[in-house]
Amino acid sequence: MMKQKGNTPKIKVGITHGDFNGISYEIIIKTLMDNRLLDMFTPVIYGSSKIASYYRKTLNFHDMNFNLVKKAEYANSKRTNIINCYEEEVKIEIGKQTNIAGELAFLALEKAVEDINKKEINVLVTAPINKKNIQSEKFNFSGHTDYLANKYNTNDHLMIMVSDKLRIGILTGHIPVKEIANTITEDMILKKIRIMHKSLQMDFGIRKPKIAVLGLNPHAGDKGVIGSEEIEIITPAIQQANNEKILAFGPFPADGFFGSSQYISYDGILAMYHDQGMLPFKSFAFDYGVNFTAGLPIVRTSPAHGTAFDIAGKNIASPNSFRQAIYTAVDIFNKRNQFDELNKNPLPINPPVQKQEYRKPEYQTPEKPAENNTPLPE
């Protein structure tokens, strides 16, 4: 993470507080207590100053102070800012799932999305929500990713888990295991390969990314012995991607692919279902992993863990993943700006010069001189 240079305005990072009965405020406060981060970006928390103060006192974070603002445009670039999305008193029940926590998680998310659409913040970092208590008439989704995809009216999105060593896209996301095989299609796989390819170029600055595609069945179907999806669905999608000049490879058996460290050779990996990608990712990068939603018009990241009700309020939660989520959001925002700048005024492609048809030169044969019959002088 680089400090902003010169007169370049600092990026405003919008942070939604998620489920306040979990570890959200603990990891937010632990991250932003390091004042050096304020040289890199301006944090704007969407939540409740009363709840923040409660956790500050309960967890003995006495050196942490919040700057209360009405709007993100008034944020102080040298302070940790907070916007009240709810003014009333609220009962805090640490480690418990409550309806009010779900309601406030949604209010914070809704307000942050409203502000990023108005460009009052630049990126969105979402603290973990509880997927059950946030459900309502306004939020009927399996998580942040589906909510944001619906908000921006796009099906061309992909959840990518990001760390310093891995970028794993999840094809089918949060659906029951019994529905996976019937959900996967050639068009779906090809679409997700395209999204990952574009994201690796635009969001991560990789000019010619290499993408590994995992198989669905054990041993990637073993040439049809264990399943036919690899032959009938996955391989044709990879071949079509290759026809489009995308460097996609596979399908690879997931166990051997990760067990042999083969994953190191690829810029991105497309897993067929949630646990196929999440299990190796969290094994390798649980403490520093980041959830990034590719394909959206905005930059959104989240830590790679949940609400962690079991350790909430104990002051033992690690802020590393949340901190990395902020770093990743800022880096992607900068990469997108660089990509847009480089592609803003592309040089026109001149039509190829037409080759002249080679025609053998026509030489005029000189006439044979007349014979001179004059005798030589004696």
Protein backbone atom coordinates (compact mmCIF):
# COMPACT_ATOMS: atom_id res chain seq x y z
CA MET A 1 0.00 0.00 0.00
CA MET A 2 1.50 3.29 -1.14
CA LYS A 3 0.96 6.69 0.41
CA GLN A 4 -0.90 9.13 -1.82
CA LYS A 5 1.53 11.43 -3.61
CA GLY A 6 1.48 15.16 -4.19
CA ASN A 7 -1.91 16.83 -4.36
CA THR A 8 -3.73 13.64 -5.30
CA PRO A 9 -6.85 13.46 -3.11
CA LYS A 10 -6.91 10.53 -0.72
CA ILE A 11 -9.30 7.73 -1.48
CA LYS A 12 -12.40 7.66 0.72
CA VAL A 13 -13.04 4.15 2.00
CA GLY A 14 -16.65 3.49 2.97
CA ILE A 15 -16.90 0.84 5.70
CA THR A 16 -20.21 -0.79 6.63
CA HIS A 17 -20.36 -2.05 10.21
CA GLY A 18 -22.04 -5.39 9.42
CA ASP A 19 -23.58 -7.29 12.33
CA PHE A 20 -22.67 -5.28 15.45
CA ASN A 21 -23.07 -8.30 17.75
CA GLY A 22 -20.16 -10.00 16.01
CA ILE A 23 -16.53 -8.95 15.73
CA SER A 24 -17.12 -6.12 13.25
CA TYR A 25 -16.40 -3.14 15.51
CA GLU A 26 -13.47 -4.93 17.10
CA ILE A 27 -11.67 -5.49 13.78
CA ILE A 28 -12.62 -2.05 12.46
CA ILE A 29 -11.24 -0.30 15.55
CA LYS A 30 -8.11 -2.47 15.72
CA THR A 31 -7.37 -1.67 12.09
CA LEU A 32 -7.96 2.08 12.26
CA MET A 33 -6.14 2.59 15.57
CA ASP A 34 -2.97 2.71 13.48
CA ASN A 35 -2.94 6.41 12.56
CA ARG A 36 -0.40 5.78 9.79
CA LEU A 37 -3.28 4.42 7.70
CA LEU A 38 -4.80 7.90 7.62
CA ASP A 39 -1.94 8.94 5.31
CA MET A 40 -3.14 6.36 2.80
CA PHE A 41 -6.93 6.79 2.80
CA THR A 42 -9.83 8.47 4.58
CA PRO A 43 -12.10 6.02 6.43
CA VAL A 44 -15.85 6.64 6.63
CA ILE A 45 -17.72 4.14 8.83
CA TYR A 46 -21.43 3.61 8.23
CA GLY A 47 -22.90 2.48 11.53
CA SER A 48 -23.61 3.94 14.94
CA SER A 49 -21.39 6.19 17.04
CA LYS A 50 -23.10 4.88 20.20
CA ILE A 51 -22.30 1.26 19.33
CA ALA A 52 -18.75 2.23 18.36
CA SER A 53 -18.27 4.00 21.70
CA TYR A 54 -19.64 0.97 23.55
CA TYR A 55 -17.05 -1.32 21.97
CA ARG A 56 -14.31 1.24 22.43
CA LYS A 57 -14.96 1.22 26.17
CA THR A 58 -15.75 -2.49 26.53
CA LEU A 59 -12.58 -3.56 24.74
CA ASN A 60 -10.42 -0.82 26.31
CA PHE A 61 -9.58 0.93 23.07
CA HIS A 62 -9.19 4.28 24.82
CA ASP A 63 -6.80 5.72 22.25
CA MET A 64 -9.41 5.46 19.50
CA ASN A 65 -11.64 8.43 18.70
CA PHE A 66 -14.31 8.91 16.04
CA ASN A 67 -15.21 12.03 14.09
CA LEU A 68 -18.99 12.14 13.75
CA VAL A 69 -20.18 13.55 10.41
CA LYS A 70 -23.59 13.94 8.81
CA LYS A 71 -22.40 13.18 5.29
CA ALA A 72 -19.38 11.52 3.72
CA GLU A 73 -18.55 14.73 1.85
CA TYR A 74 -17.78 16.34 5.23
CA ALA A 75 -15.30 13.63 6.25
CA ASN A 76 -12.06 14.86 7.81
CA SER A 77 -9.14 13.41 5.86
CA LYS A 78 -7.04 13.23 9.04
CA ARG A 79 -9.61 11.44 11.21
CA THR A 80 -11.61 8.22 11.40
CA ASN A 81 -15.10 9.37 10.45
CA ILE A 82 -18.43 7.77 11.31
CA ILE A 83 -21.94 8.38 9.99
CA ASN A 84 -24.93 7.50 12.13
CA CYS A 85 -27.31 5.32 10.12
CA TYR A 86 -29.50 4.88 13.19
CA GLU A 87 -30.04 7.52 15.89
CA GLU A 88 -31.96 5.53 18.50
CA GLU A 89 -30.64 3.55 21.45
CA VAL A 90 -30.05 -0.09 20.60
CA LYS A 91 -29.55 -3.17 22.74
CA ILE A 92 -26.19 -4.79 22.14
CA GLU A 93 -26.07 -8.54 22.78
CA ILE A 94 -22.56 -9.63 21.99
CA GLY A 95 -22.36 -13.01 20.26
CA LYS A 96 -26.10 -13.29 19.67
CA GLN A 97 -28.21 -13.18 16.53
CA THR A 98 -30.83 -10.43 16.89
CA ASN A 99 -33.28 -8.83 14.50
CA ILE A 100 -32.17 -5.27 15.24
CA ALA A 101 -28.58 -6.14 14.35
CA GLY A 102 -29.77 -7.39 10.97
CA GLU A 103 -31.83 -4.24 10.41
CA LEU A 104 -28.90 -1.95 11.18
CA ALA A 105 -26.55 -3.99 9.02
CA PHE A 106 -28.87 -3.40 6.07
CA LEU A 107 -29.31 0.32 6.82
CA ALA A 108 -25.55 0.80 6.83
CA LEU A 109 -25.14 -1.10 3.57
CA GLU A 110 -27.96 0.80 1.88
CA LYS A 111 -26.56 4.19 2.91
CA ALA A 112 -23.00 3.31 1.83
CA VAL A 113 -24.19 2.14 -1.61
CA GLU A 114 -26.18 5.35 -1.98
CA ASP A 115 -23.04 7.40 -1.23
CA ILE A 116 -20.72 5.44 -3.51
CA ASN A 117 -23.22 5.95 -6.33
CA LYS A 118 -23.00 9.71 -5.65
CA LYS A 119 -19.19 9.39 -5.61
CA GLU A 120 -19.01 10.67 -2.04
CA ILE A 121 -16.90 7.61 -1.25
CA ASN A 122 -14.62 5.77 -3.67
CA VAL A 123 -14.65 2.13 -2.53
CA LEU A 124 -16.78 -0.08 -0.32
CA VAL A 125 -15.47 -2.45 2.37
CA THR A 126 -18.17 -4.50 4.07
CA ALA A 127 -17.77 -5.98 7.54
CA PRO A 128 -19.41 -9.43 7.97
CA ILE A 129 -23.18 -9.79 8.15
CA ASN A 130 -25.32 -12.62 9.48
CA LYS A 131 -27.09 -14.02 6.43
CA LYS A 132 -30.18 -14.96 8.40
CA ASN A 133 -31.11 -11.94 10.51
CA ILE A 134 -30.52 -9.47 7.66
CA GLN A 135 -33.27 -11.07 5.56
CA SER A 136 -36.25 -8.80 4.92
CA GLU A 137 -38.50 -7.57 2.12
CA LYS A 138 -35.65 -5.30 0.99
CA PHE A 139 -32.86 -7.83 1.43
CA ASN A 140 -33.72 -11.27 0.14
CA PHE A 141 -30.27 -12.43 -0.92
CA SER A 142 -27.68 -14.99 0.14
CA GLY A 143 -25.10 -12.30 0.85
CA HIS A 144 -23.45 -9.04 -0.17
CA THR A 145 -22.46 -10.29 -3.62
CA ASP A 146 -25.99 -11.12 -4.80
CA TYR A 147 -27.39 -7.95 -3.24
CA LEU A 148 -24.89 -5.74 -5.07
CA ALA A 149 -25.31 -7.64 -8.34
CA ASN A 150 -29.05 -7.00 -8.11
CA LYS A 151 -28.48 -3.38 -7.15
CA TYR A 152 -26.38 -2.81 -10.25
CA ASN A 153 -28.56 -5.01 -12.44
CA THR A 154 -25.77 -7.29 -13.60
CA ASN A 155 -25.38 -11.04 -13.96
CA ASP A 156 -21.79 -10.63 -15.07
CA HIS A 157 -20.19 -10.79 -11.64
CA LEU A 158 -17.89 -13.20 -9.87
CA MET A 159 -16.82 -13.67 -6.26
CA ILE A 160 -13.03 -13.85 -6.22
CA MET A 161 -11.10 -14.75 -3.08
CA VAL A 162 -7.83 -12.83 -3.07
CA SER A 163 -4.54 -13.25 -1.22
CA ASP A 164 -0.90 -12.66 -2.04
CA LYS A 165 -0.68 -16.16 -3.57
CA LEU A 166 -4.19 -17.01 -4.74
CA ARG A 167 -7.10 -15.57 -6.69
CA ILE A 168 -9.93 -18.11 -6.71
CA GLY A 169 -13.23 -17.39 -8.43
CA ILE A 170 -16.30 -19.34 -7.29
CA LEU A 171 -18.55 -20.39 -10.18
CA THR A 172 -21.79 -21.35 -8.44
CA GLY A 173 -21.50 -19.44 -5.15
CA HIS A 174 -23.95 -19.98 -2.33
CA ILE A 175 -26.21 -22.79 -3.55
CA PRO A 176 -26.91 -26.27 -2.10
CA VAL A 177 -24.48 -28.99 -3.16
CA LYS A 178 -27.30 -31.09 -4.66
CA GLU A 179 -28.02 -28.31 -7.19
CA ILE A 180 -24.46 -27.75 -8.40
CA ALA A 181 -24.28 -30.28 -11.27
CA ASN A 182 -27.63 -29.18 -12.73
CA THR A 183 -26.68 -25.49 -12.46
CA ILE A 184 -23.37 -25.63 -14.35
CA THR A 185 -23.53 -24.98 -18.09
CA GLU A 186 -20.97 -24.33 -20.81
CA ASP A 187 -22.21 -20.76 -21.26
CA MET A 188 -22.01 -20.11 -17.51
CA ILE A 189 -18.41 -21.31 -17.28
CA LEU A 190 -17.40 -19.31 -20.35
CA LYS A 191 -19.03 -16.18 -18.95
CA LYS A 192 -17.18 -16.51 -15.63
CA ILE A 193 -13.87 -17.14 -17.41
CA ARG A 194 -14.40 -13.92 -19.36
CA ILE A 195 -15.21 -11.97 -16.18
CA MET A 196 -12.11 -13.30 -14.41
CA HIS A 197 -9.94 -12.57 -17.45
CA LYS A 198 -11.14 -8.97 -17.64
CA SER A 199 -10.83 -8.47 -13.88
CA LEU A 200 -7.28 -9.80 -13.78
CA GLN A 201 -6.38 -7.29 -16.48
CA MET A 202 -8.35 -4.29 -15.21
CA ASP A 203 -8.31 -4.78 -11.42
CA PHE A 204 -4.95 -6.49 -10.93
CA GLY A 205 -2.88 -5.14 -13.81
CA ILE A 206 -2.01 -8.52 -15.37
CA ARG A 207 -1.71 -8.06 -19.13
CA LYS A 208 -1.98 -11.72 -20.23
CA PRO A 209 -3.44 -13.65 -17.30
CA LYS A 210 -3.35 -17.45 -17.13
CA ILE A 211 -6.52 -19.02 -15.73
CA ALA A 212 -6.81 -22.58 -14.38
CA VAL A 213 -10.28 -24.18 -14.48
CA LEU A 214 -11.01 -26.96 -11.99
CA GLY A 215 -13.06 -30.06 -12.74
CA LEU A 216 -16.36 -30.83 -11.04
CA ASN A 217 -15.94 -34.53 -10.29
CA PRO A 218 -13.20 -36.39 -8.41
CA HIS A 219 -10.13 -36.76 -10.62
CA ALA A 220 -11.82 -34.35 -13.06
CA GLY A 221 -14.11 -37.17 -14.15
CA ASP A 222 -11.30 -39.60 -15.01
CA LYS A 223 -12.07 -39.31 -18.74
CA GLY A 224 -15.77 -39.92 -18.21
CA VAL A 225 -15.51 -42.83 -15.77
CA ILE A 226 -16.67 -40.78 -12.74
CA GLY A 227 -18.70 -38.13 -14.55
CA SER A 228 -19.21 -36.55 -17.94
CA GLU A 229 -19.38 -32.85 -17.05
CA GLU A 230 -15.68 -32.31 -17.76
CA ILE A 231 -15.99 -33.72 -21.28
CA GLU A 232 -19.39 -32.33 -22.21
CA ILE A 233 -19.45 -28.94 -20.46
CA ILE A 234 -16.17 -27.73 -18.95
CA THR A 235 -13.70 -28.62 -21.72
CA PRO A 236 -15.80 -27.04 -24.51
CA ALA A 237 -16.02 -23.82 -22.46
CA ILE A 238 -12.24 -23.76 -22.06
CA GLN A 239 -11.75 -24.38 -25.78
CA GLN A 240 -14.08 -21.51 -26.66
CA ALA A 241 -12.19 -19.24 -24.26
CA ASN A 242 -8.97 -20.21 -26.05
CA ASN A 243 -10.62 -19.30 -29.35
CA GLU A 244 -11.19 -15.84 -27.86
CA LYS A 245 -7.45 -15.56 -27.06
CA ILE A 246 -8.01 -16.16 -23.33
CA LEU A 247 -5.30 -18.29 -21.72
CA ALA A 248 -7.54 -20.79 -19.92
CA PHE A 249 -6.36 -24.30 -19.01
CA GLY A 250 -7.83 -27.46 -17.52
CA PRO A 251 -9.99 -28.96 -16.25
CA PHE A 252 -7.73 -29.91 -13.34
CA PRO A 253 -8.52 -32.33 -10.49
CA ALA A 254 -8.80 -30.00 -7.48
CA ASP A 255 -6.96 -32.18 -4.97
CA GLY A 256 -3.86 -32.72 -7.06
CA PHE A 257 -3.92 -29.15 -8.35
CA PHE A 258 -3.55 -27.66 -4.89
CA GLY A 259 -1.64 -30.55 -3.32
CA SER A 260 1.17 -30.35 -5.89
CA SER A 261 1.44 -26.54 -5.73
CA GLN A 262 0.40 -26.38 -9.38
CA TYR A 263 -1.71 -23.35 -8.48
CA ILE A 264 1.43 -21.19 -8.23
CA SER A 265 1.71 -21.17 -12.03
CA TYR A 266 -1.64 -19.41 -12.59
CA ASP A 267 -2.90 -15.86 -12.10
CA GLY A 268 -6.46 -16.95 -11.42
CA ILE A 269 -8.35 -20.16 -10.64
CA LEU A 270 -12.01 -20.89 -11.36
CA ALA A 271 -13.57 -23.35 -8.90
CA MET A 272 -16.84 -25.07 -9.75
CA TYR A 273 -18.48 -24.67 -6.34
CA HIS A 274 -18.11 -22.87 -3.02
CA ASP A 275 -16.21 -25.31 -0.84
CA GLN A 276 -13.99 -26.52 -3.70
CA GLY A 277 -12.48 -23.05 -3.81
CA MET A 278 -12.96 -21.84 -0.24
CA LEU A 279 -11.41 -24.84 1.49
CA PRO A 280 -7.93 -24.52 -0.07
CA PHE A 281 -8.13 -20.72 0.03
CA LYS A 282 -8.85 -20.57 3.74
CA SER A 283 -6.25 -23.24 4.41
CA PHE A 284 -3.59 -21.10 2.73
CA ALA A 285 -4.79 -17.57 3.49
CA PHE A 286 -7.45 -17.52 6.21
CA ASP A 287 -5.89 -14.72 8.25
CA TYR A 288 -5.19 -12.41 5.30
CA GLY A 289 -7.81 -13.45 2.75
CA VAL A 290 -10.12 -10.98 1.02
CA ASN A 291 -13.48 -11.41 -0.71
CA PHE A 292 -13.70 -9.26 -3.86
CA THR A 293 -16.72 -8.93 -6.15
CA ALA A 294 -15.49 -8.71 -9.75
CA GLY A 295 -17.70 -7.39 -12.53
CA LEU A 296 -19.37 -4.57 -10.60
CA PRO A 297 -19.06 -0.90 -11.59
CA ILE A 298 -17.86 -0.20 -8.03
CA VAL A 299 -15.00 -1.68 -6.00
CA ARG A 300 -16.23 -3.82 -3.12
CA THR A 301 -14.19 -6.03 -0.79
CA SER A 302 -14.77 -7.82 2.49
CA PRO A 303 -12.71 -9.89 4.95
CA ALA A 304 -12.74 -13.61 4.20
CA HIS A 305 -14.39 -14.55 7.50
CA GLY A 306 -17.82 -14.25 9.05
CA THR A 307 -19.34 -12.60 12.11
CA ALA A 308 -17.45 -14.96 14.49
CA PHE A 309 -20.11 -14.78 17.23
CA ASP A 310 -18.16 -17.37 19.24
CA ILE A 311 -15.24 -14.99 19.88
CA ALA A 312 -17.11 -11.67 19.79
CA GLY A 313 -16.31 -9.31 22.66
CA LYS A 314 -13.26 -11.29 23.81
CA ASN A 315 -10.69 -8.99 22.21
CA ILE A 316 -9.00 -11.88 20.40
CA ALA A 317 -10.25 -11.31 16.84
CA SER A 318 -7.51 -10.67 14.28
CA PRO A 319 -7.92 -7.51 12.14
CA ASN A 320 -5.52 -8.79 9.45
CA SER A 321 -8.14 -9.88 6.92
CA PHE A 322 -10.14 -6.70 7.35
CA ARG A 323 -7.04 -4.54 7.02
CA GLN A 324 -6.08 -6.43 3.87
CA ALA A 325 -9.61 -5.91 2.50
CA ILE A 326 -9.06 -2.15 2.75
CA TYR A 327 -5.63 -2.35 1.12
CA THR A 328 -7.03 -4.51 -1.70
CA ALA A 329 -9.94 -2.13 -2.34
CA VAL A 330 -7.61 0.86 -2.59
CA ASP A 331 -5.17 -1.01 -4.84
CA ILE A 332 -7.94 -2.17 -7.18
CA PHE A 333 -9.37 1.35 -7.35
CA ASN A 334 -5.96 2.67 -8.40
CA LYS A 335 -5.45 -0.17 -10.90
CA ARG A 336 -8.82 0.57 -12.52
CA ASN A 337 -7.93 4.23 -12.87
CA GLN A 338 -4.61 3.30 -14.47
CA PHE A 339 -6.36 0.86 -16.82
CA ASP A 340 -8.93 3.48 -17.82
CA GLU A 341 -6.19 6.06 -18.38
CA LEU A 342 -4.16 3.75 -20.58
CA ASN A 343 -7.20 2.81 -22.66
CA LYS A 344 -8.84 6.22 -22.78
CA ASN A 345 -7.50 7.39 -26.15
CA PRO A 346 -6.21 4.34 -27.98
CA LEU A 347 -4.19 5.01 -31.08
CA PRO A 348 -6.18 4.43 -34.28
CA ILE A 349 -5.30 1.27 -36.09
CA ASN A 350 -4.23 2.23 -39.61
CA PRO A 351 -5.50 -0.03 -42.36
CA PRO A 352 -2.78 -2.36 -43.61
CA VAL A 353 -0.93 -1.18 -46.66
CA GLN A 354 -2.11 -3.21 -49.60
CA LYS A 355 0.68 -5.13 -51.20
CA GLN A 356 1.26 -4.39 -54.85
CA GLU A 357 0.98 -7.44 -57.03
CA TYR A 358 4.44 -8.29 -58.21
CA ARG A 359 4.70 -8.11 -61.95
CA LYS A 360 7.84 -9.09 -63.72
CA PRO A 361 9.28 -6.07 -65.55
CA GLU A 362 8.95 -6.23 -69.27
CA TYR A 363 12.30 -5.61 -70.95
CA GLN A 364 12.42 -4.73 -74.65
CA THR A 365 14.80 -7.08 -76.43
CA PRO A 366 17.15 -5.07 -78.58
CA GLU A 367 17.06 -5.89 -82.28
CA LYS A 368 19.91 -7.98 -83.55
CA PRO A 369 22.31 -5.72 -85.44
CA ALA A 370 22.64 -6.34 -89.18
CA GLU A 371 25.57 -8.41 -90.26
CA ASN A 372 28.42 -6.40 -91.71
CA ASN A 373 29.74 -8.20 -94.77
CA THR A 374 32.33 -5.59 -95.59
CA PRO A 375 35.67 -7.37 -95.87
CA LEU A 376 38.46 -6.30 -93.61
CA PRO A 377 41.13 -4.28 -95.26
CA GLU A 378 44.16 -6.22 -96.31
